Amino acid sequence: MHVIAEKLADSGFDDIETVLDPIFLKSNDPRKVKHEAIRDYFVRDLKSTLAERDVDLFLKSHPVLCQGNEVSKQDLIHVFQEPFRLALYKKIERDS
């Protein structure tokens, strides 16, 4: 999760909802998204060093994200809000 949070923090935005919006813009329902879309965003769009298999394992093992094949926007924001904030603070400290 920390690798993903660091990549999200590197996006140049300081709001987790803004960072995660591209996932939901591609979805048929802007309130929820399939695991495959999340995986593609984390692996391809963010160009992280994570393998698809690692992201799939994370999605299937996280207590909030494993409740079916779709995730609500609020749940995804809830899961990444704190790790994103910590990664953003680390990035700010590193860059200053």
PDB file of N, CA and C in Angstrom:
ATOM      1  N   MET A   1       0.820  -1.185   0.000  1.00  0.00           N
ATOM      2  CA  MET A   1       0.000   0.000   0.000  1.00  0.00           C
ATOM      3  C   MET A   1       0.869   1.255   0.000  1.00  0.00           C
ATOM      4  N   HIS A   2       2.028   1.172   0.656  1.00  0.00           N
ATOM      5  CA  HIS A   2       2.889   2.352   0.736  1.00  0.00           C
ATOM      6  C   HIS A   2       3.473   2.719  -0.620  1.00  0.00           C
ATOM      7  N   VAL A   3       3.780   1.725  -1.438  1.00  0.00           N
ATOM      8  CA  VAL A   3       4.293   2.001  -2.784  1.00  0.00           C
ATOM      9  C   VAL A   3       3.236   2.737  -3.595  1.00  0.00           C
ATOM     10  N   ILE A   4       2.002   2.291  -3.494  1.00  0.00           N
ATOM     11  CA  ILE A   4       0.907   2.947  -4.213  1.00  0.00           C
ATOM     12  C   ILE A   4       0.699   4.360  -3.676  1.00  0.00           C
ATOM     13  N   ALA A   5       0.707   4.520  -2.366  1.00  0.00           N
ATOM     14  CA  ALA A   5       0.519   5.839  -1.755  1.00  0.00           C
ATOM     15  C   ALA A   5       1.622   6.809  -2.187  1.00  0.00           C
ATOM     16  N   GLU A   6       2.852   6.315  -2.284  1.00  0.00           N
ATOM     17  CA  GLU A   6       3.949   7.175  -2.741  1.00  0.00           C
ATOM     18  C   GLU A   6       3.744   7.612  -4.185  1.00  0.00           C
ATOM     19  N   LYS A   7       3.290   6.691  -5.036  1.00  0.00           N
ATOM     20  CA  LYS A   7       3.010   7.036  -6.427  1.00  0.00           C
ATOM     21  C   LYS A   7       1.866   8.042  -6.516  1.00  0.00           C
ATOM     22  N   LEU A   8       0.844   7.860  -5.696  1.00  0.00           N
ATOM     23  CA  LEU A   8      -0.268   8.808  -5.678  1.00  0.00           C
ATOM     24  C   LEU A   8       0.217  10.186  -5.226  1.00  0.00           C
ATOM     25  N   ALA A   9       1.109  10.223  -4.244  1.00  0.00           N
ATOM     26  CA  ALA A   9       1.657  11.488  -3.745  1.00  0.00           C
ATOM     27  C   ALA A   9       2.518  12.177  -4.801  1.00  0.00           C
ATOM     28  N   ASP A  10       3.151  11.403  -5.665  1.00  0.00           N
ATOM     29  CA  ASP A  10       3.985  11.969  -6.728  1.00  0.00           C
ATOM     30  C   ASP A  10       3.166  12.575  -7.871  1.00  0.00           C
ATOM     31  N   SER A  11       1.850  12.434  -7.810  1.00  0.00           N
ATOM     32  CA  SER A  11       0.985  12.895  -8.893  1.00  0.00           C
ATOM     33  C   SER A  11       0.953  14.414  -9.043  1.00  0.00           C
ATOM     34  N   GLY A  12       1.348  15.128  -8.003  1.00  0.00           N
ATOM     35  CA  GLY A  12       1.327  16.582  -8.070  1.00  0.00           C
ATOM     36  C   GLY A  12       0.085  17.202  -7.453  1.00  0.00           C
ATOM     37  N   PHE A  13      -0.832  16.380  -7.004  1.00  0.00           N
ATOM     38  CA  PHE A  13      -2.045  16.880  -6.351  1.00  0.00           C
ATOM     39  C   PHE A  13      -1.955  16.623  -4.855  1.00  0.00           C
ATOM     40  N   ASP A  14      -2.669  17.448  -4.086  1.00  0.00           N
ATOM     41  CA  ASP A  14      -2.620  17.269  -2.635  1.00  0.00           C
ATOM     42  C   ASP A  14      -3.946  16.773  -2.060  1.00  0.00           C
ATOM     43  N   ASP A  15      -4.845  16.344  -2.931  1.00  0.00           N
ATOM     44  CA  ASP A  15      -6.147  15.835  -2.498  1.00  0.00           C
ATOM     45  C   ASP A  15      -6.340  14.429  -3.048  1.00  0.00           C
ATOM     46  N   ILE A  16      -6.591  13.469  -2.170  1.00  0.00           N
ATOM     47  CA  ILE A  16      -6.699  12.070  -2.583  1.00  0.00           C
ATOM     48  C   ILE A  16      -7.859  11.857  -3.554  1.00  0.00           C
ATOM     49  N   GLU A  17      -8.938  12.574  -3.377  1.00  0.00           N
ATOM     50  CA  GLU A  17     -10.082  12.409  -4.287  1.00  0.00           C
ATOM     51  C   GLU A  17      -9.707  12.824  -5.705  1.00  0.00           C
ATOM     52  N   THR A  18      -8.974  13.904  -5.844  1.00  0.00           N
ATOM     53  CA  THR A  18      -8.527  14.367  -7.152  1.00  0.00           C
ATOM     54  C   THR A  18      -7.594  13.355  -7.801  1.00  0.00           C
ATOM     55  N   VAL A  19      -6.741  12.746  -7.008  1.00  0.00           N
ATOM     56  CA  VAL A  19      -5.785  11.765  -7.514  1.00  0.00           C
ATOM     57  C   VAL A  19      -6.492  10.501  -7.996  1.00  0.00           C
ATOM     58  N   LEU A  20      -7.544  10.102  -7.288  1.00  0.00           N
ATOM     59  CA  LEU A  20      -8.261   8.876  -7.640  1.00  0.00           C
ATOM     60  C   LEU A  20      -9.357   9.081  -8.685  1.00  0.00           C
ATOM     61  N   ASP A  21      -9.706  10.321  -8.985  1.00  0.00           N
ATOM     62  CA  ASP A  21     -10.776  10.604  -9.960  1.00  0.00           C
ATOM     63  C   ASP A  21     -10.590   9.920 -11.316  1.00  0.00           C
ATOM     64  N   PRO A  22      -9.377   9.852 -11.873  1.00  0.00           N
ATOM     65  CA  PRO A  22      -9.235   9.211 -13.191  1.00  0.00           C
ATOM     66  C   PRO A  22      -9.749   7.774 -13.250  1.00  0.00           C
ATOM     67  N   ILE A  23      -9.670   7.050 -12.154  1.00  0.00           N
ATOM     68  CA  ILE A  23     -10.181   5.678 -12.134  1.00  0.00           C
ATOM     69  C   ILE A  23     -11.686   5.697 -12.389  1.00  0.00           C
ATOM     70  N   PHE A  24     -12.367   6.612 -11.748  1.00  0.00           N
ATOM     71  CA  PHE A  24     -13.823   6.656 -11.805  1.00  0.00           C
ATOM     72  C   PHE A  24     -14.338   7.316 -13.080  1.00  0.00           C
ATOM     73  N   LEU A  25     -13.524   8.143 -13.705  1.00  0.00           N
ATOM     74  CA  LEU A  25     -13.932   8.753 -14.973  1.00  0.00           C
ATOM     75  C   LEU A  25     -14.058   7.715 -16.076  1.00  0.00           C
ATOM     76  N   LYS A  26     -13.299   6.643 -15.979  1.00  0.00           N
ATOM     77  CA  LYS A  26     -13.341   5.576 -16.976  1.00  0.00           C
ATOM     78  C   LYS A  26     -14.459   4.568 -16.691  1.00  0.00           C
ATOM     79  N   SER A  27     -15.065   4.654 -15.531  1.00  0.00           N
ATOM     80  CA  SER A  27     -16.077   3.691 -15.110  1.00  0.00           C
ATOM     81  C   SER A  27     -17.456   4.074 -15.651  1.00  0.00           C
ATOM     82  N   ASN A  28     -18.296   3.069 -15.845  1.00  0.00           N
ATOM     83  CA  ASN A  28     -19.673   3.330 -16.261  1.00  0.00           C
ATOM     84  C   ASN A  28     -20.476   4.001 -15.157  1.00  0.00           C
ATOM     85  N   ASP A  29     -20.126   3.705 -13.918  1.00  0.00           N
ATOM     86  CA  ASP A  29     -20.783   4.297 -12.754  1.00  0.00           C
ATOM     87  C   ASP A  29     -19.738   5.105 -11.985  1.00  0.00           C
ATOM     88  N   PRO A  30     -19.889   6.428 -11.933  1.00  0.00           N
ATOM     89  CA  PRO A  30     -18.855   7.258 -11.286  1.00  0.00           C
ATOM     90  C   PRO A  30     -18.760   7.091  -9.771  1.00  0.00           C
ATOM     91  N   ARG A  31     -19.615   6.236  -9.190  1.00  0.00           N
ATOM     92  CA  ARG A  31     -19.575   6.019  -7.742  1.00  0.00           C
ATOM     93  C   ARG A  31     -18.855   4.747  -7.352  1.00  0.00           C
ATOM     94  N   LYS A  32     -18.619   3.851  -8.321  1.00  0.00           N
ATOM     95  CA  LYS A  32     -17.916   2.599  -8.016  1.00  0.00           C
ATOM     96  C   LYS A  32     -17.113   2.156  -9.231  1.00  0.00           C
ATOM     97  N   VAL A  33     -16.138   1.293  -8.959  1.00  0.00           N
ATOM     98  CA  VAL A  33     -15.231   0.864 -10.015  1.00  0.00           C
ATOM     99  C   VAL A  33     -14.825  -0.589  -9.763  1.00  0.00           C
ATOM    100  N   LYS A  34     -14.543  -1.300 -10.838  1.00  0.00           N
ATOM    101  CA  LYS A  34     -14.144  -2.707 -10.740  1.00  0.00           C
ATOM    102  C   LYS A  34     -12.668  -2.819 -10.323  1.00  0.00           C
ATOM    103  N   HIS A  35     -12.342  -3.944  -9.726  1.00  0.00           N
ATOM    104  CA  HIS A  35     -10.962  -4.204  -9.299  1.00  0.00           C
ATOM    105  C   HIS A  35      -9.986  -4.073 -10.466  1.00  0.00           C
ATOM    106  N   GLU A  36     -10.381  -4.534 -11.653  1.00  0.00           N
ATOM    107  CA  GLU A  36      -9.495  -4.482 -12.824  1.00  0.00           C
ATOM    108  C   GLU A  36      -9.097  -3.043 -13.154  1.00  0.00           C
ATOM    109  N   ALA A  37     -10.037  -2.124 -13.031  1.00  0.00           N
ATOM    110  CA  ALA A  37      -9.749  -0.710 -13.319  1.00  0.00           C
ATOM    111  C   ALA A  37      -8.781  -0.128 -12.295  1.00  0.00           C
ATOM    112  N   ILE A  38      -8.955  -0.526 -11.040  1.00  0.00           N
ATOM    113  CA  ILE A  38      -8.041  -0.064  -9.982  1.00  0.00           C
ATOM    114  C   ILE A  38      -6.640  -0.598 -10.262  1.00  0.00           C
ATOM    115  N   ARG A  39      -6.564  -1.889 -10.560  1.00  0.00           N
ATOM    116  CA  ARG A  39      -5.268  -2.514 -10.850  1.00  0.00           C
ATOM    117  C   ARG A  39      -4.593  -1.833 -12.040  1.00  0.00           C
ATOM    118  N   ASP A  40      -5.332  -1.609 -13.113  1.00  0.00           N
ATOM    119  CA  ASP A  40      -4.760  -0.968 -14.299  1.00  0.00           C
ATOM    120  C   ASP A  40      -4.263   0.435 -13.989  1.00  0.00           C
ATOM    121  N   TYR A  41      -4.998   1.169 -13.181  1.00  0.00           N
ATOM    122  CA  TYR A  41      -4.587   2.524 -12.815  1.00  0.00           C
ATOM    123  C   TYR A  41      -3.301   2.489 -11.996  1.00  0.00           C
ATOM    124  N   PHE A  42      -3.240   1.601 -11.008  1.00  0.00           N
ATOM    125  CA  PHE A  42      -2.056   1.533 -10.154  1.00  0.00           C
ATOM    126  C   PHE A  42      -0.829   1.036 -10.907  1.00  0.00           C
ATOM    127  N   VAL A  43      -0.999   0.070 -11.781  1.00  0.00           N
ATOM    128  CA  VAL A  43       0.146  -0.528 -12.472  1.00  0.00           C
ATOM    129  C   VAL A  43       0.531   0.270 -13.717  1.00  0.00           C
ATOM    130  N   ARG A  44      -0.437   0.580 -14.554  1.00  0.00           N
ATOM    131  CA  ARG A  44      -0.121   1.212 -15.845  1.00  0.00           C
ATOM    132  C   ARG A  44      -0.102   2.729 -15.794  1.00  0.00           C
ATOM    133  N   ASP A  45      -1.168   3.318 -15.289  1.00  0.00           N
ATOM    134  CA  ASP A  45      -1.276   4.774 -15.303  1.00  0.00           C
ATOM    135  C   ASP A  45      -0.282   5.443 -14.358  1.00  0.00           C
ATOM    136  N   LEU A  46      -0.108   4.861 -13.171  1.00  0.00           N
ATOM    137  CA  LEU A  46       0.858   5.422 -12.219  1.00  0.00           C
ATOM    138  C   LEU A  46       2.282   4.950 -12.494  1.00  0.00           C
ATOM    139  N   LYS A  47       2.386   3.958 -13.363  1.00  0.00           N
ATOM    140  CA  LYS A  47       3.700   3.391 -13.712  1.00  0.00           C
ATOM    141  C   LYS A  47       4.472   2.954 -12.472  1.00  0.00           C
ATOM    142  N   SER A  48       3.768   2.248 -11.590  1.00  0.00           N
ATOM    143  CA  SER A  48       4.416   1.762 -10.378  1.00  0.00           C
ATOM    144  C   SER A  48       5.222   0.507 -10.692  1.00  0.00           C
ATOM    145  N   THR A  49       6.062   0.151  -9.779  1.00  0.00           N
ATOM    146  CA  THR A  49       6.900  -1.034  -9.952  1.00  0.00           C
ATOM    147  C   THR A  49       6.178  -2.300  -9.489  1.00  0.00           C
ATOM    148  N   LEU A  50       4.930  -2.156  -9.105  1.00  0.00           N
ATOM    149  CA  LEU A  50       4.158  -3.306  -8.638  1.00  0.00           C
ATOM    150  C   LEU A  50       3.702  -4.167  -9.804  1.00  0.00           C
ATOM    151  N   ALA A  51       3.668  -5.454  -9.564  1.00  0.00           N
ATOM    152  CA  ALA A  51       3.129  -6.380 -10.561  1.00  0.00           C
ATOM    153  C   ALA A  51       1.612  -6.432 -10.400  1.00  0.00           C
ATOM    154  N   GLU A  52       0.921  -6.761 -11.490  1.00  0.00           N
ATOM    155  CA  GLU A  52      -0.536  -6.891 -11.431  1.00  0.00           C
ATOM    156  C   GLU A  52      -0.948  -7.880 -10.360  1.00  0.00           C
ATOM    157  N   ARG A  53      -0.206  -8.942 -10.230  1.00  0.00           N
ATOM    158  CA  ARG A  53      -0.494  -9.983  -9.245  1.00  0.00           C
ATOM    159  C   ARG A  53      -0.451  -9.415  -7.826  1.00  0.00           C
ATOM    160  N   ASP A  54       0.501  -8.515  -7.549  1.00  0.00           N
ATOM    161  CA  ASP A  54       0.610  -7.908  -6.220  1.00  0.00           C
ATOM    162  C   ASP A  54      -0.597  -7.025  -5.912  1.00  0.00           C
ATOM    163  N   VAL A  55      -1.026  -6.273  -6.905  1.00  0.00           N
ATOM    164  CA  VAL A  55      -2.187  -5.403  -6.704  1.00  0.00           C
ATOM    165  C   VAL A  55      -3.446  -6.250  -6.517  1.00  0.00           C
ATOM    166  N   ASP A  56      -3.585  -7.307  -7.316  1.00  0.00           N
ATOM    167  CA  ASP A  56      -4.733  -8.200  -7.157  1.00  0.00           C
ATOM    168  C   ASP A  56      -4.769  -8.801  -5.754  1.00  0.00           C
ATOM    169  N   LEU A  57      -3.628  -9.230  -5.269  1.00  0.00           N
ATOM    170  CA  LEU A  57      -3.542  -9.798  -3.923  1.00  0.00           C
ATOM    171  C   LEU A  57      -3.942  -8.765  -2.868  1.00  0.00           C
ATOM    172  N   PHE A  58      -3.472  -7.545  -3.032  1.00  0.00           N
ATOM    173  CA  PHE A  58      -3.829  -6.464  -2.118  1.00  0.00           C
ATOM    174  C   PHE A  58      -5.344  -6.231  -2.126  1.00  0.00           C
ATOM    175  N   LEU A  59      -5.934  -6.163  -3.323  1.00  0.00           N
ATOM    176  CA  LEU A  59      -7.373  -5.911  -3.431  1.00  0.00           C
ATOM    177  C   LEU A  59      -8.200  -7.041  -2.826  1.00  0.00           C
ATOM    178  N   LYS A  60      -7.714  -8.269  -2.959  1.00  0.00           N
ATOM    179  CA  LYS A  60      -8.455  -9.425  -2.437  1.00  0.00           C
ATOM    180  C   LYS A  60      -8.239  -9.641  -0.941  1.00  0.00           C
ATOM    181  N   SER A  61      -7.191  -9.059  -0.389  1.00  0.00           N
ATOM    182  CA  SER A  61      -6.895  -9.299   1.018  1.00  0.00           C
ATOM    183  C   SER A  61      -7.254  -8.124   1.926  1.00  0.00           C
ATOM    184  N   HIS A  62      -7.438  -6.944   1.374  1.00  0.00           N
ATOM    185  CA  HIS A  62      -7.780  -5.797   2.211  1.00  0.00           C
ATOM    186  C   HIS A  62      -9.229  -5.930   2.678  1.00  0.00           C
ATOM    187  N   PRO A  63      -9.493  -5.767   3.983  1.00  0.00           N
ATOM    188  CA  PRO A  63     -10.837  -6.001   4.513  1.00  0.00           C
ATOM    189  C   PRO A  63     -11.932  -5.130   3.890  1.00  0.00           C
ATOM    190  N   VAL A  64     -11.613  -3.930   3.481  1.00  0.00           N
ATOM    191  CA  VAL A  64     -12.616  -3.046   2.878  1.00  0.00           C
ATOM    192  C   VAL A  64     -12.764  -3.328   1.387  1.00  0.00           C
ATOM    193  N   LEU A  65     -11.654  -3.579   0.705  1.00  0.00           N
ATOM    194  CA  LEU A  65     -11.669  -3.716  -0.747  1.00  0.00           C
ATOM    195  C   LEU A  65     -12.092  -5.092  -1.245  1.00  0.00           C
ATOM    196  N   CYS A  66     -12.080  -6.083  -0.385  1.00  0.00           N
ATOM    197  CA  CYS A  66     -12.370  -7.449  -0.828  1.00  0.00           C
ATOM    198  C   CYS A  66     -13.861  -7.783  -0.816  1.00  0.00           C
ATOM    199  N   GLN A  67     -14.708  -6.826  -0.565  1.00  0.00           N
ATOM    200  CA  GLN A  67     -16.156  -7.066  -0.481  1.00  0.00           C
ATOM    201  C   GLN A  67     -16.800  -7.070  -1.860  1.00  0.00           C
ATOM    202  N   GLY A  68     -16.411  -7.988  -2.712  1.00  0.00           N
ATOM    203  CA  GLY A  68     -16.968  -8.068  -4.065  1.00  0.00           C
ATOM    204  C   GLY A  68     -15.947  -7.649  -5.103  1.00  0.00           C
ATOM    205  N   ASN A  69     -16.403  -7.485  -6.336  1.00  0.00           N
ATOM    206  CA  ASN A  69     -15.511  -7.142  -7.442  1.00  0.00           C
ATOM    207  C   ASN A  69     -15.508  -5.650  -7.750  1.00  0.00           C
ATOM    208  N   GLU A  70     -16.317  -4.881  -7.026  1.00  0.00           N
ATOM    209  CA  GLU A  70     -16.368  -3.437  -7.225  1.00  0.00           C
ATOM    210  C   GLU A  70     -16.112  -2.726  -5.907  1.00  0.00           C
ATOM    211  N   VAL A  71     -15.580  -1.512  -6.016  1.00  0.00           N
ATOM    212  CA  VAL A  71     -15.255  -0.713  -4.835  1.00  0.00           C
ATOM    213  C   VAL A  71     -15.889   0.657  -5.010  1.00  0.00           C
ATOM    214  N   SER A  72     -16.502   1.153  -3.966  1.00  0.00           N
ATOM    215  CA  SER A  72     -17.092   2.491  -4.039  1.00  0.00           C
ATOM    216  C   SER A  72     -15.990   3.542  -3.943  1.00  0.00           C
ATOM    217  N   LYS A  73     -16.291   4.699  -4.462  1.00  0.00           N
ATOM    218  CA  LYS A  73     -15.330   5.802  -4.420  1.00  0.00           C
ATOM    219  C   LYS A  73     -14.998   6.159  -2.968  1.00  0.00           C
ATOM    220  N   GLN A  74     -16.020   6.198  -2.120  1.00  0.00           N
ATOM    221  CA  GLN A  74     -15.793   6.542  -0.713  1.00  0.00           C
ATOM    222  C   GLN A  74     -14.905   5.519  -0.018  1.00  0.00           C
ATOM    223  N   ASP A  75     -15.104   4.237  -0.313  1.00  0.00           N
ATOM    224  CA  ASP A  75     -14.266   3.202   0.304  1.00  0.00           C
ATOM    225  C   ASP A  75     -12.815   3.329  -0.149  1.00  0.00           C
ATOM    226  N   LEU A  76     -12.605   3.580  -1.433  1.00  0.00           N
ATOM    227  CA  LEU A  76     -11.239   3.708  -1.944  1.00  0.00           C
ATOM    228  C   LEU A  76     -10.553   4.936  -1.344  1.00  0.00           C
ATOM    229  N   ILE A  77     -11.277   6.017  -1.236  1.00  0.00           N
ATOM    230  CA  ILE A  77     -10.730   7.222  -0.601  1.00  0.00           C
ATOM    231  C   ILE A  77     -10.396   6.925   0.859  1.00  0.00           C
ATOM    232  N   HIS A  78     -11.300   6.253   1.550  1.00  0.00           N
ATOM    233  CA  HIS A  78     -11.081   5.915   2.957  1.00  0.00           C
ATOM    234  C   HIS A  78      -9.814   5.071   3.143  1.00  0.00           C
ATOM    235  N   VAL A  79      -9.609   4.099   2.268  1.00  0.00           N
ATOM    236  CA  VAL A  79      -8.454   3.202   2.375  1.00  0.00           C
ATOM    237  C   VAL A  79      -7.148   3.957   2.166  1.00  0.00           C
ATOM    238  N   PHE A  80      -7.120   4.884   1.206  1.00  0.00           N
ATOM    239  CA  PHE A  80      -5.859   5.538   0.838  1.00  0.00           C
ATOM    240  C   PHE A  80      -5.652   6.921   1.437  1.00  0.00           C
ATOM    241  N   GLN A  81      -6.636   7.462   2.129  1.00  0.00           N
ATOM    242  CA  GLN A  81      -6.524   8.828   2.651  1.00  0.00           C
ATOM    243  C   GLN A  81      -5.292   9.007   3.556  1.00  0.00           C
ATOM    244  N   GLU A  82      -5.174   8.190   4.572  1.00  0.00           N
ATOM    245  CA  GLU A  82      -4.067   8.336   5.528  1.00  0.00           C
ATOM    246  C   GLU A  82      -2.717   7.961   4.915  1.00  0.00           C
ATOM    247  N   PRO A  83      -2.592   6.820   4.218  1.00  0.00           N
ATOM    248  CA  PRO A  83      -1.295   6.515   3.579  1.00  0.00           C
ATOM    249  C   PRO A  83      -0.877   7.592   2.573  1.00  0.00           C
ATOM    250  N   PHE A  84      -1.846   8.156   1.844  1.00  0.00           N
ATOM    251  CA  PHE A  84      -1.554   9.232   0.891  1.00  0.00           C
ATOM    252  C   PHE A  84      -1.037  10.466   1.629  1.00  0.00           C
ATOM    253  N   ARG A  85      -1.705  10.829   2.713  1.00  0.00           N
ATOM    254  CA  ARG A  85      -1.294  12.008   3.486  1.00  0.00           C
ATOM    255  C   ARG A  85       0.122  11.846   4.013  1.00  0.00           C
ATOM    256  N   LEU A  86       0.427  10.663   4.553  1.00  0.00           N
ATOM    257  CA  LEU A  86       1.780  10.412   5.068  1.00  0.00           C
ATOM    258  C   LEU A  86       2.821  10.451   3.951  1.00  0.00           C
ATOM    259  N   ALA A  87       2.504   9.856   2.812  1.00  0.00           N
ATOM    260  CA  ALA A  87       3.434   9.870   1.678  1.00  0.00           C
ATOM    261  C   ALA A  87       3.629  11.289   1.154  1.00  0.00           C
ATOM    262  N   LEU A  88       2.572  12.076   1.163  1.00  0.00           N
ATOM    263  CA  LEU A  88       2.674  13.462   0.704  1.00  0.00           C
ATOM    264  C   LEU A  88       3.577  14.272   1.629  1.00  0.00           C
ATOM    265  N   TYR A  89       3.442  14.085   2.936  1.00  0.00           N
ATOM    266  CA  TYR A  89       4.309  14.783   3.895  1.00  0.00           C
ATOM    267  C   TYR A  89       5.767  14.368   3.728  1.00  0.00           C
ATOM    268  N   LYS A  90       5.996  13.083   3.508  1.00  0.00           N
ATOM    269  CA  LYS A  90       7.365  12.609   3.275  1.00  0.00           C
ATOM    270  C   LYS A  90       7.944  13.217   2.009  1.00  0.00           C
ATOM    271  N   LYS A  91       7.127  13.312   0.974  1.00  0.00           N
ATOM    272  CA  LYS A  91       7.587  13.902  -0.281  1.00  0.00           C
ATOM    273  C   LYS A  91       7.921  15.378  -0.088  1.00  0.00           C
ATOM    274  N   ILE A  92       7.100  16.097   0.641  1.00  0.00           N
ATOM    275  CA  ILE A  92       7.353  17.516   0.911  1.00  0.00           C
ATOM    276  C   ILE A  92       8.651  17.681   1.699  1.00  0.00           C
ATOM    277  N   GLU A  93       8.861  16.844   2.708  1.00  0.00           N
ATOM    278  CA  GLU A  93      10.107  16.909   3.486  1.00  0.00           C
ATOM    279  C   GLU A  93      11.318  16.589   2.619  1.00  0.00           C
ATOM    280  N   ARG A  94      11.182  15.590   1.764  1.00  0.00           N
ATOM    281  CA  ARG A  94      12.281  15.173   0.884  1.00  0.00           C
ATOM    282  C   ARG A  94      12.628  16.271  -0.127  1.00  0.00           C
ATOM    283  N   ASP A  95      11.603  16.958  -0.623  1.00  0.00           N
ATOM    284  CA  ASP A  95      11.819  17.967  -1.653  1.00  0.00           C
ATOM    285  C   ASP A  95      12.290  19.301  -1.096  1.00  0.00           C
ATOM    286  N   SER A  96      12.150  19.509   0.222  1.00  0.00           N
ATOM    287  CA  SER A  96      12.550  20.808   0.774  1.00  0.00           C
ATOM    288  C   SER A  96      13.934  20.796   1.358  1.00  0.00           C
TER     289      SER A  96
END
